[in-house]
Amino acid sequence: MAEIKWEKSLTKKDLEAAKEFLTLLFEPKEVQKAVAKLKKHKDDVIEFKAKDVLRASDTQLLPETNKDVRSEFVKMVKGKPLVPVSLVRLDRQLFIADGYHRTCAAYYLDKDSQVHCVLIGIGDTT
């Protein structure tokens, strides 16, 4: 099994991708708050198993034949460092704001693969 290499923090490009995704889910004020917190904590990386990230976010595993999942899987096997996954928790719901394809690819490498994540909470209960 190949070991996944990870970057040490989120990138500007990935923060923008997270913002675009969150805009589909949240009100503008919540998006602004989430992106500001992701920026502030972009270096606060923690690890979770790929299977747990998918389960906790109630996200479906994409098929391994998905073009973007395969692309991330190839990067993993070649030893290219990946950007951590951006996770946002709002009122006990977890959202993969950026890194869905990386998480799925890590699962296919090994469902117990450690996925590097930046997890922030927004809302009343966080």
Protein backbone atom coordinates (compact mmCIF):
# COMPACT_ATOMS: atom_id res chain seq x y z
CA MET A 1 0.00 0.00 0.00
CA ALA A 2 1.31 3.43 -0.95
CA GLU A 3 1.55 6.05 1.76
CA ILE A 4 -0.36 9.23 1.04
CA LYS A 5 1.72 12.39 1.18
CA TRP A 6 0.01 15.59 2.25
CA GLU A 7 0.75 19.30 2.03
CA LYS A 8 1.01 21.11 5.36
CA SER A 9 -1.87 23.55 4.78
CA LEU A 10 -4.77 24.60 2.59
CA THR A 11 -4.02 26.60 -0.55
CA LYS A 12 -5.72 29.72 -1.85
CA LYS A 13 -7.10 27.69 -4.78
CA ASP A 14 -8.66 25.11 -2.47
CA LEU A 15 -10.09 27.78 -0.18
CA GLU A 16 -11.78 29.31 -3.23
CA ALA A 17 -13.16 25.89 -4.22
CA ALA A 18 -14.52 25.45 -0.69
CA LYS A 19 -16.16 28.88 -0.90
CA GLU A 20 -17.83 28.03 -4.21
CA PHE A 21 -19.21 24.78 -2.81
CA LEU A 22 -20.40 26.30 0.46
CA THR A 23 -22.19 29.05 -1.46
CA LEU A 24 -24.55 26.35 -2.75
CA LEU A 25 -25.42 25.26 0.80
CA PHE A 26 -25.21 28.21 3.15
CA GLU A 27 -26.33 31.80 3.40
CA PRO A 28 -23.67 34.38 2.42
CA LYS A 29 -22.96 35.31 6.05
CA GLU A 30 -22.27 31.64 6.94
CA VAL A 31 -20.07 31.19 3.85
CA GLN A 32 -18.04 34.25 4.80
CA LYS A 33 -17.65 32.98 8.37
CA ALA A 34 -16.64 29.48 7.24
CA VAL A 35 -14.07 30.70 4.70
CA ALA A 36 -12.57 33.14 7.22
CA LYS A 37 -12.20 30.31 9.75
CA LEU A 38 -10.70 27.97 7.14
CA LYS A 39 -8.15 30.67 6.24
CA LYS A 40 -7.34 31.28 9.90
CA HIS A 41 -6.89 27.57 10.60
CA LYS A 42 -5.41 26.52 7.23
CA ASP A 43 -2.35 25.05 8.99
CA ASP A 44 -4.30 23.25 11.76
CA VAL A 45 -4.28 19.84 10.13
CA ILE A 46 -5.77 16.81 11.87
CA GLU A 47 -6.25 13.26 10.63
CA PHE A 48 -9.30 11.07 10.22
CA LYS A 49 -9.84 7.75 8.48
CA ALA A 50 -11.25 8.09 4.96
CA LYS A 51 -14.22 5.87 5.82
CA ASP A 52 -15.07 8.04 8.84
CA VAL A 53 -14.99 11.29 6.87
CA LEU A 54 -17.41 9.84 4.34
CA ARG A 55 -19.70 8.39 7.01
CA ALA A 56 -19.71 11.48 9.22
CA SER A 57 -20.48 13.75 6.28
CA ASP A 58 -23.16 11.36 5.01
CA THR A 59 -21.44 11.50 1.64
CA GLN A 60 -21.70 8.79 -1.00
CA LEU A 61 -18.48 7.14 -2.13
CA LEU A 62 -17.94 7.95 -5.79
CA PRO A 63 -17.08 5.01 -8.07
CA GLU A 64 -13.39 4.35 -8.53
CA THR A 65 -13.96 4.86 -12.26
CA ASN A 66 -14.84 8.53 -11.68
CA LYS A 67 -12.33 10.65 -13.64
CA ASP A 68 -11.51 12.99 -10.73
CA VAL A 69 -11.20 10.16 -8.19
CA ARG A 70 -8.84 8.30 -10.54
CA SER A 71 -6.77 11.46 -11.01
CA GLU A 72 -6.35 11.88 -7.24
CA PHE A 73 -5.59 8.16 -6.87
CA VAL A 74 -2.81 8.41 -9.47
CA LYS A 75 -1.33 11.39 -7.59
CA MET A 76 -1.34 9.31 -4.40
CA VAL A 77 0.36 6.33 -6.00
CA LYS A 78 2.99 8.61 -7.61
CA GLY A 79 3.72 10.16 -4.21
CA LYS A 80 2.57 13.67 -5.07
CA PRO A 81 1.50 15.62 -1.96
CA LEU A 82 -2.20 16.40 -1.72
CA VAL A 83 -3.85 19.41 -0.14
CA PRO A 84 -5.72 18.64 3.09
CA VAL A 85 -9.49 18.22 2.94
CA SER A 86 -11.63 21.16 4.12
CA LEU A 87 -14.36 20.11 6.53
CA VAL A 88 -17.08 22.40 7.87
CA ARG A 89 -19.39 21.46 10.71
CA LEU A 90 -22.67 23.34 11.16
CA ASP A 91 -25.18 22.30 13.80
CA ARG A 92 -23.91 18.70 14.02
CA GLN A 93 -23.77 18.27 10.25
CA LEU A 94 -20.43 17.78 8.54
CA PHE A 95 -19.74 19.00 5.02
CA ILE A 96 -16.74 18.23 2.82
CA ALA A 97 -16.23 21.76 1.53
CA ASP A 98 -13.24 20.74 -0.60
CA GLY A 99 -11.48 17.42 -1.05
CA TYR A 100 -14.35 15.04 -1.84
CA HIS A 101 -12.43 13.34 -4.66
CA ARG A 102 -9.26 13.09 -2.52
CA THR A 103 -11.28 11.45 0.25
CA CYS A 104 -12.82 8.92 -2.14
CA ALA A 105 -9.42 8.14 -3.68
CA ALA A 106 -7.93 7.64 -0.20
CA TYR A 107 -10.77 5.24 0.61
CA TYR A 108 -9.94 3.17 -2.48
CA LEU A 109 -6.29 3.08 -1.51
CA ASP A 110 -7.34 1.80 1.91
CA LYS A 111 -10.59 2.65 3.70
CA ASP A 112 -8.54 3.18 6.87
CA SER A 113 -6.18 5.66 5.16
CA GLN A 114 -5.51 8.72 7.25
CA VAL A 115 -6.91 11.77 5.48
CA HIS A 116 -5.39 15.09 6.49
CA CYS A 117 -8.12 17.63 7.17
CA VAL A 118 -8.78 21.13 8.40
CA LEU A 119 -11.98 21.01 10.44
CA ILE A 120 -13.83 24.14 11.46
CA GLY A 121 -17.21 24.68 13.05
CA ILE A 122 -19.70 27.46 12.44
CA GLY A 123 -23.08 28.08 14.00
CA ASP A 124 -24.53 28.10 17.49
CA THR A 125 -23.43 24.65 18.66
CA THR A 126 -19.76 24.80 17.63
